[in-house]
Protein backbone atom coordinates (compact mmCIF):
# COMPACT_ATOMS: atom_id res chain seq x y z
CA UNK A 1 23.86 33.91 0.17
CA UNK A 2 24.63 31.23 1.99
CA UNK A 3 22.35 29.88 4.24
CA UNK A 4 24.00 29.38 7.45
CA UNK A 5 23.89 26.17 9.21
CA UNK A 6 21.95 27.89 12.56
CA UNK A 7 19.05 28.95 10.33
CA UNK A 8 18.78 25.70 8.23
CA UNK A 9 18.66 23.36 11.55
CA UNK A 10 16.41 26.04 12.97
CA UNK A 11 14.07 25.67 10.32
CA UNK A 12 14.62 21.83 10.11
CA UNK A 13 13.49 21.68 14.20
CA UNK A 14 10.36 23.88 13.47
CA UNK A 15 9.37 21.50 10.80
CA UNK A 16 10.12 18.28 12.18
CA UNK A 17 8.15 18.94 15.58
CA UNK A 18 5.14 20.53 13.97
CA UNK A 19 5.13 17.11 11.65
CA UNK A 20 5.74 14.47 14.04
CA UNK A 21 3.15 16.20 16.35
CA UNK A 22 0.76 16.20 13.55
CA UNK A 23 1.21 12.65 12.34
CA UNK A 24 0.80 11.15 15.93
CA UNK A 25 -2.79 13.23 16.29
CA UNK A 26 -3.45 11.99 13.09
CA UNK A 27 -2.62 8.11 14.38
CA UNK A 28 -4.26 8.19 17.22
CA UNK A 29 -7.72 9.29 15.50
CA UNK A 30 -7.34 6.62 13.11
CA UNK A 31 -6.75 4.29 16.09
CA UNK A 32 -9.90 5.10 17.61
CA UNK A 33 -12.45 5.24 14.76
CA UNK A 34 -10.61 1.72 13.75
CA UNK A 35 -11.79 0.79 16.97
CA UNK A 36 -15.39 1.86 17.35
CA UNK A 37 -15.50 0.39 13.54
CA UNK A 38 -14.16 -3.13 14.79
CA UNK A 39 -16.05 -2.85 18.04
CA UNK A 40 -19.49 -2.73 15.69
CA UNK A 41 -18.55 -6.07 13.57
CA UNK A 42 -17.81 -7.67 16.35
CA UNK A 43 -20.98 -6.84 18.51
CA UNK A 44 -22.80 -10.18 16.47
CA UNK A 45 -19.75 -12.02 16.96
CA UNK A 46 -19.29 -12.86 20.76
CA UNK A 47 -16.13 -14.98 20.35
CA UNK A 48 -14.50 -12.16 19.51
CA UNK A 49 -12.85 -10.24 22.33
CA UNK A 50 -12.03 -6.86 23.31
CA UNK A 51 -8.17 -7.93 23.12
CA UNK A 52 -8.73 -9.23 19.60
CA UNK A 53 -9.88 -6.25 18.38
CA UNK A 54 -6.67 -3.48 19.97
CA UNK A 55 -4.71 -6.22 18.24
CA UNK A 56 -6.36 -5.50 14.63
CA UNK A 57 -6.03 -1.77 15.23
CA UNK A 58 -2.89 -1.82 15.72
CA UNK A 59 -1.69 -4.22 13.20
CA UNK A 60 -3.61 -1.94 10.61
CA UNK A 61 -2.18 1.53 11.88
CA UNK A 62 1.32 1.08 10.47
CA UNK A 63 -0.78 0.88 6.89
CA UNK A 64 -2.75 3.68 7.84
CA UNK A 65 0.28 5.57 8.65
CA UNK A 66 1.65 5.56 5.14
CA UNK A 67 -1.26 6.96 3.62
CA UNK A 68 -1.59 9.96 5.86
CA UNK A 69 2.18 10.72 5.89
CA UNK A 70 1.98 13.63 2.82
CA UNK A 71 -0.92 15.21 4.21
CA UNK A 72 1.32 15.54 7.72
CA UNK A 73 4.14 16.76 5.77
CA UNK A 74 1.74 19.19 4.36
CA UNK A 75 0.04 20.54 6.97
CA UNK A 76 3.16 20.05 9.42
CA UNK A 77 5.13 22.32 7.04
CA UNK A 78 1.84 24.68 6.68
CA UNK A 79 2.06 24.88 10.81
CA UNK A 80 5.68 25.38 10.88
CA UNK A 81 5.80 28.31 8.18
CA UNK A 82 3.02 30.12 9.75
CA UNK A 83 4.52 30.12 12.81
CA UNK A 84 7.91 31.40 11.60
CA UNK A 85 6.27 34.08 9.55
CA UNK A 86 3.72 34.90 12.33
CA UNK A 87 7.00 35.82 14.72
CA UNK A 88 7.75 37.87 11.86
CA UNK A 89 11.25 35.73 11.76
CA UNK A 90 10.95 34.84 8.01
CA UNK A 91 10.84 38.76 7.38
CA UNK A 92 14.19 38.74 9.36
CA UNK A 93 15.56 36.27 7.15
CA UNK A 94 14.27 38.04 3.75
CA UNK A 95 15.75 41.52 5.15
CA UNK A 96 18.98 39.58 5.52
CA UNK A 97 18.98 38.65 2.22
CA UNK A 98 17.99 35.17 2.41
CA UNK A 99 15.40 34.19 -0.15
CA UNK A 100 13.03 31.87 0.33
CA UNK A 101 14.27 29.07 -2.04
CA UNK A 102 17.50 29.63 0.44
CA UNK A 103 15.87 28.83 3.95
CA UNK A 104 12.67 26.12 1.95
CA UNK A 105 15.69 24.03 0.76
CA UNK A 106 16.54 22.67 4.59
CA UNK A 107 13.08 21.77 4.66
CA UNK A 108 12.93 20.00 1.15
CA UNK A 109 15.95 17.68 1.82
CA UNK A 110 14.13 17.09 5.18
CA UNK A 111 10.97 16.13 3.57
CA UNK A 112 12.92 14.11 0.95
CA UNK A 113 14.82 12.21 3.68
CA UNK A 114 11.50 11.71 5.56
CA UNK A 115 9.75 10.20 2.14
CA UNK A 116 13.02 7.82 1.51
CA UNK A 117 12.45 7.12 5.48
CA UNK A 118 8.88 6.14 4.67
CA UNK A 119 9.59 3.93 1.64
CA UNK A 120 12.70 2.10 2.95
CA UNK A 121 11.57 1.79 6.49
CA UNK A 122 8.12 1.80 7.57
CA UNK A 123 6.79 0.49 4.29
CA UNK A 124 8.26 -2.93 5.13
CA UNK A 125 6.94 -3.13 8.30
CA UNK A 126 3.37 -1.70 7.28
CA UNK A 127 3.15 -4.64 4.68
CA UNK A 128 3.78 -7.30 7.48
CA UNK A 129 1.63 -5.80 9.90
CA UNK A 130 -0.72 -5.44 6.85
CA UNK A 131 -0.36 -9.38 5.66
CA UNK A 132 -1.13 -10.43 9.22
CA UNK A 133 -3.74 -8.55 9.77
CA UNK A 134 -5.56 -9.25 6.64
CA UNK A 135 -5.40 -12.72 7.87
CA UNK A 136 -6.39 -12.49 11.61
CA UNK A 137 -9.36 -10.43 9.98
CA UNK A 138 -10.46 -12.65 7.70
CA UNK A 139 -10.20 -15.62 9.90
CA UNK A 140 -12.19 -13.52 12.86
CA UNK A 141 -14.87 -12.44 11.07
CA UNK A 142 -15.27 -14.66 7.67
CA UNK A 143 -13.69 -17.83 9.75
CA UNK A 144 -11.22 -18.59 6.86
CA UNK A 145 -7.72 -17.97 5.94
CA UNK A 146 -5.92 -16.62 2.66
CA UNK A 147 -6.80 -18.52 -0.65
CA UNK A 148 -3.47 -18.43 -2.48
CA UNK A 149 0.26 -18.01 -2.14
CA UNK A 150 2.68 -17.07 -4.63
CA UNK A 151 7.04 -17.46 -4.53
CA UNK A 152 10.00 -18.20 -5.85
CA UNK A 153 9.01 -21.95 -5.17
CA UNK A 154 5.64 -21.58 -6.82
CA UNK A 155 2.22 -21.39 -6.35
CA UNK A 156 -0.19 -22.63 -3.46
CA UNK A 157 -3.88 -22.75 -3.45
CA UNK A 158 -6.54 -23.88 -1.16
CA UNK A 159 -9.94 -24.62 -2.02
CA UNK A 160 -12.64 -25.71 -0.06
CA UNK A 161 -16.21 -27.35 -0.29
CA UNK A 162 -17.98 -26.45 3.04
CA UNK A 163 -16.45 -29.72 5.25
CA UNK A 164 -13.67 -31.24 3.39
CA UNK A 165 -10.60 -29.10 1.60
CA UNK A 166 -7.49 -29.76 -0.81
CA UNK A 167 -3.93 -27.58 -0.90
CA UNK A 168 -2.88 -27.71 -4.71
CA UNK A 169 0.75 -26.85 -5.64
CA UNK A 170 2.21 -26.06 -8.99
CA UNK A 171 6.03 -25.00 -9.47
CA UNK A 172 4.80 -23.53 -12.78
CA UNK A 173 1.46 -21.23 -13.64
CA UNK A 174 0.42 -20.45 -17.26
CA UNK A 175 -2.26 -18.27 -17.90
CA UNK A 176 -3.85 -17.43 -21.58
CA UNK A 177 -6.98 -15.46 -21.06
CA UNK A 178 -9.70 -17.42 -19.28
CA UNK A 179 -7.57 -20.78 -19.69
CA UNK A 180 -5.07 -21.36 -16.46
CA UNK A 181 -2.99 -24.41 -16.69
CA UNK A 182 -0.77 -24.95 -13.75
CA UNK A 183 2.57 -27.77 -14.52
CA UNK A 184 4.00 -30.13 -11.78
CA UNK A 185 0.75 -30.19 -9.87
CA UNK A 186 1.13 -32.03 -6.22
CA UNK A 187 -3.25 -32.19 -4.38
CA UNK A 188 -3.36 -32.59 -1.07
CA UNK A 189 -6.72 -33.56 -0.31
CA UNK A 190 -7.97 -33.65 3.45
CA UNK A 191 -11.46 -35.00 5.08
CA UNK A 192 -12.54 -31.90 7.64
CA UNK A 193 -9.10 -30.13 8.86
CA UNK A 194 -6.82 -31.90 8.95
CA UNK A 195 -7.35 -35.58 8.53
CA UNK A 196 -5.06 -36.68 5.40
CA UNK A 197 -7.04 -38.64 2.97
CA UNK A 198 -5.15 -38.39 -0.54
CA UNK A 199 -2.12 -37.35 -2.57
CA UNK A 200 -2.64 -36.60 -6.54
CA UNK A 201 0.91 -35.89 -8.81
CA UNK A 202 0.84 -34.91 -12.30
CA UNK A 203 2.48 -33.25 -14.79
CA UNK A 204 -0.57 -30.83 -15.76
CA UNK A 205 -4.00 -29.76 -14.44
CA UNK A 206 -6.69 -27.21 -16.33
CA UNK A 207 -8.44 -25.37 -14.77
CA UNK A 208 -12.53 -26.15 -16.76
CA UNK A 209 -15.96 -24.81 -15.54
CA UNK A 210 -15.55 -26.12 -11.53
CA UNK A 211 -13.30 -28.82 -11.80
CA UNK A 212 -9.64 -29.12 -12.36
CA UNK A 213 -8.87 -31.71 -14.97
CA UNK A 214 -5.82 -33.41 -14.17
CA UNK A 215 -4.37 -35.72 -17.00
CA UNK A 216 -2.05 -38.84 -15.90
CA UNK A 217 -2.24 -38.41 -12.45
CA UNK A 218 -0.67 -40.78 -9.81
CA UNK A 219 -3.14 -41.27 -7.17
CA UNK A 220 -1.51 -41.75 -3.38
CA UNK A 221 -3.53 -43.15 -0.54
CA UNK A 222 -2.52 -44.43 3.05
CA UNK A 223 -1.47 -47.83 3.04
CA UNK A 224 -2.85 -48.53 -0.49
CA UNK A 225 -1.16 -49.17 -3.80
CA UNK A 226 -0.59 -46.17 -6.15
CA UNK A 227 -2.98 -45.98 -8.43
CA UNK A 228 -3.05 -43.75 -12.13
CA UNK A 229 -5.88 -42.25 -13.37
CA UNK A 230 -5.50 -40.93 -16.93
CA UNK A 231 -8.01 -38.52 -16.79
CA UNK A 232 -9.05 -36.94 -13.36
CA UNK A 233 -11.33 -34.44 -12.24
CA UNK A 234 -11.11 -32.86 -9.06
CA UNK A 235 -14.24 -30.16 -7.89
CA UNK A 236 -13.32 -26.92 -7.81
CA UNK A 237 -15.07 -23.85 -6.59
CA UNK A 238 -12.04 -21.03 -7.99
CA UNK A 239 -12.32 -19.17 -11.33
CA UNK A 240 -9.41 -17.31 -13.23
CA UNK A 241 -11.02 -14.07 -11.63
CA UNK A 242 -10.87 -15.97 -8.11
CA UNK A 243 -7.33 -16.55 -8.41
CA UNK A 244 -6.09 -13.21 -9.80
CA UNK A 245 -8.39 -11.41 -7.11
CA UNK A 246 -6.39 -13.84 -4.46
CA UNK A 247 -2.89 -12.46 -5.27
CA UNK A 248 -0.96 -10.60 -2.17
CA UNK A 249 -2.04 -7.27 -2.60
CA UNK A 250 0.72 -5.23 -3.18
CA UNK A 251 0.15 -3.32 0.36
CA UNK A 252 1.04 -6.23 2.08
CA UNK A 253 4.25 -6.67 0.30
CA UNK A 254 7.37 -4.54 1.27
CA UNK A 255 9.42 -2.22 -1.35
CA UNK A 256 12.15 -4.40 -1.52
CA UNK A 257 9.66 -8.05 -2.50
CA UNK A 258 7.97 -6.10 -4.96
CA UNK A 259 10.08 -6.11 -7.92
CA UNK A 260 10.69 -10.30 -7.52
CA UNK A 261 7.24 -10.60 -6.94
CA UNK A 262 6.34 -8.77 -10.14
CA UNK A 263 8.72 -11.04 -12.30
CA UNK A 264 7.37 -13.63 -10.85
CA UNK A 265 3.40 -12.55 -11.60
CA UNK A 266 4.79 -11.93 -15.51
CA UNK A 267 6.42 -15.27 -16.08
CA UNK A 268 3.20 -16.53 -14.79
CA UNK A 269 1.40 -14.78 -17.30
CA UNK A 270 -1.05 -12.89 -14.50
CA UNK A 271 -1.26 -9.45 -14.96
CA UNK A 272 1.46 -7.27 -12.86
CA UNK A 273 -0.18 -3.85 -13.50
CA UNK A 274 -1.49 -3.32 -9.60
CA UNK A 275 2.11 -3.88 -7.97
CA UNK A 276 4.24 -2.18 -10.85
CA UNK A 277 1.75 0.70 -10.49
CA UNK A 278 2.18 -0.02 -6.26
CA UNK A 279 5.92 0.02 -6.55
CA UNK A 280 6.57 2.68 -8.61
CA UNK A 281 4.22 5.32 -6.33
CA UNK A 282 6.51 4.28 -3.90
CA UNK A 283 9.67 5.19 -5.78
CA UNK A 284 7.96 8.37 -6.10
CA UNK A 285 6.88 9.17 -2.43
CA UNK A 286 10.08 11.43 -1.87
CA UNK A 287 9.67 13.82 -4.24
CA UNK A 288 5.67 13.98 -3.63
CA UNK A 289 6.70 14.96 -0.02
CA UNK A 290 8.92 17.60 -0.93
CA UNK A 291 5.97 18.27 -3.28
CA UNK A 292 3.54 19.08 -0.23
CA UNK A 293 6.34 21.03 1.21
CA UNK A 294 6.06 23.54 -1.68
CA UNK A 295 2.22 23.67 -1.38
CA UNK A 296 2.77 24.10 2.28
CA UNK A 297 4.72 27.18 1.32
CA UNK A 298 2.40 28.79 -1.31
CA UNK A 299 -0.65 29.01 1.49
CA UNK A 300 1.86 30.34 4.64
CA UNK A 301 4.72 32.26 3.05
CA UNK A 302 2.88 35.56 2.64
CA UNK A 303 -0.04 34.76 5.05
CA UNK A 304 0.42 38.25 6.58
CA UNK A 305 -0.26 39.64 3.34
CA UNK A 306 -3.26 37.39 1.66
CA UNK A 307 -5.41 36.21 5.05
CA UNK A 308 -5.09 34.77 8.07
CA UNK A 309 -5.50 31.19 9.88
CA UNK A 310 -9.01 30.39 8.51
CA UNK A 311 -7.33 30.69 4.71
CA UNK A 312 -4.87 28.71 5.56
CA UNK A 313 -6.85 25.88 7.02
CA UNK A 314 -9.53 25.94 4.36
CA UNK A 315 -7.04 26.08 1.49
CA UNK A 316 -4.92 22.92 2.89
CA UNK A 317 -7.81 21.36 3.72
CA UNK A 318 -9.06 21.92 -0.05
CA UNK A 319 -5.72 20.82 -1.94
CA UNK A 320 -5.21 17.92 0.25
CA UNK A 321 -9.01 16.70 -1.15
CA UNK A 322 -7.97 17.69 -4.81
CA UNK A 323 -4.79 15.79 -4.32
CA UNK A 324 -6.64 12.82 -2.91
CA UNK A 325 -9.24 12.60 -5.55
CA UNK A 326 -7.09 13.27 -8.31
CA UNK A 327 -4.60 10.20 -7.12
CA UNK A 328 -7.20 7.84 -7.15
CA UNK A 329 -8.92 9.29 -10.25
CA UNK A 330 -4.97 8.53 -12.30
CA UNK A 331 -4.38 5.48 -10.32
CA UNK A 332 -7.91 4.10 -11.48
CA UNK A 333 -6.45 4.61 -15.23
CA UNK A 334 -3.41 2.80 -14.27
CA UNK A 335 -5.22 -0.10 -12.94
CA UNK A 336 -7.57 -0.20 -16.17
CA UNK A 337 -4.60 0.21 -18.42
CA UNK A 338 -5.69 3.23 -19.49
CA UNK A 339 -2.23 4.70 -18.95
CA UNK A 340 1.09 3.41 -18.47
CA UNK A 341 1.18 1.90 -15.01
CA UNK A 342 4.46 4.24 -14.39
CA UNK A 343 3.01 7.41 -15.79
CA UNK A 344 -0.20 6.72 -13.72
CA UNK A 345 2.33 6.01 -10.04
CA UNK A 346 4.56 9.55 -11.25
CA UNK A 347 1.81 11.44 -12.07
CA UNK A 348 0.69 13.34 -8.67
CA UNK A 349 3.78 13.84 -7.37
CA UNK A 350 5.14 15.39 -10.97
CA UNK A 351 2.01 17.46 -11.22
CA UNK A 352 2.08 18.61 -7.75
CA UNK A 353 5.64 19.11 -7.71
CA UNK A 354 5.16 21.54 -11.12
CA UNK A 355 2.13 23.23 -9.39
CA UNK A 356 4.34 24.12 -6.01
CA UNK A 357 7.31 25.37 -7.79
CA UNK A 358 5.25 27.56 -10.79
CA UNK A 359 2.90 29.30 -7.60
CA UNK A 360 6.19 29.73 -5.44
CA UNK A 361 8.24 31.45 -8.41
CA UNK A 362 4.66 33.00 -9.33
CA UNK A 363 4.52 34.48 -5.95
CA UNK A 364 8.40 35.20 -4.68
CA UNK A 365 10.07 36.13 -8.45
CA UNK A 366 7.04 37.46 -10.06
């Protein structure tokens, strides 16, 4: 039997209303908790005003919205199906010859579309706001800005000894184990916050224990002739670990920008596992949304026979907790290179999708 357009739109409308209501409620709760936590952290910092805390909480909200998106899909589906079942509308649809797979189809398509919108539209917004949140949070609470930036044009590092600071630029970065070498290096050294002292240009600089070893350096100071140094040692507190940890987190990068950034990291010799894992997790997101709909359906399509509201809430909460824990474990294995990053990213969506399909096949088709 062909599913009617009217029934499809009716199912989709119920699902969308439940989803947006829960998604908005979750965002409000997260916003309130973030505000309370930020006020607690700012209690010992009198220079931070309440408007700064509100701005920080708002900037972080789109990123948190991405995290709760699958659970809003699942609980929204549970509420929609439970209401339809409670009013016997699904019973009437079944009596008219409409199978569970037929009236689930529009909801699955809608969930897939919402997942695609989350990846293509919400993710770029969330990455920009989270990047600004981390800069402001670091500046307000830690008194310093981001350490490193990398782009198609090269690598920028900023280092400080407490009073003076220097900015290091290189067009290429080579890493071999714990050895890091910069190529086509330019160093700008400042006294205090903004008083320029000198500029150093060199073909290469190697990171050693507490120093940059710069070879064949040309040193330029204001109103002085250029000096050439065959070996120059520039003090630094940077290490390979600090440089690696200071790369822009994948959460602060748009879905569209991640492939290019992964390529730059790999060409520079740095590990791109974390960024590759995040990118594939975004690719798998629409399928995870469909899996959440199937999980919701397993708890609610037969509510009258197998229990009431308490079972729905308890089962949904337990399932959400298990999926969250399982995803974290698999992602941790991917980050440690125990399993390939691609497999780690697609496993939660794939396993959840197969579990939902298997359970529904058992309930509906025996």
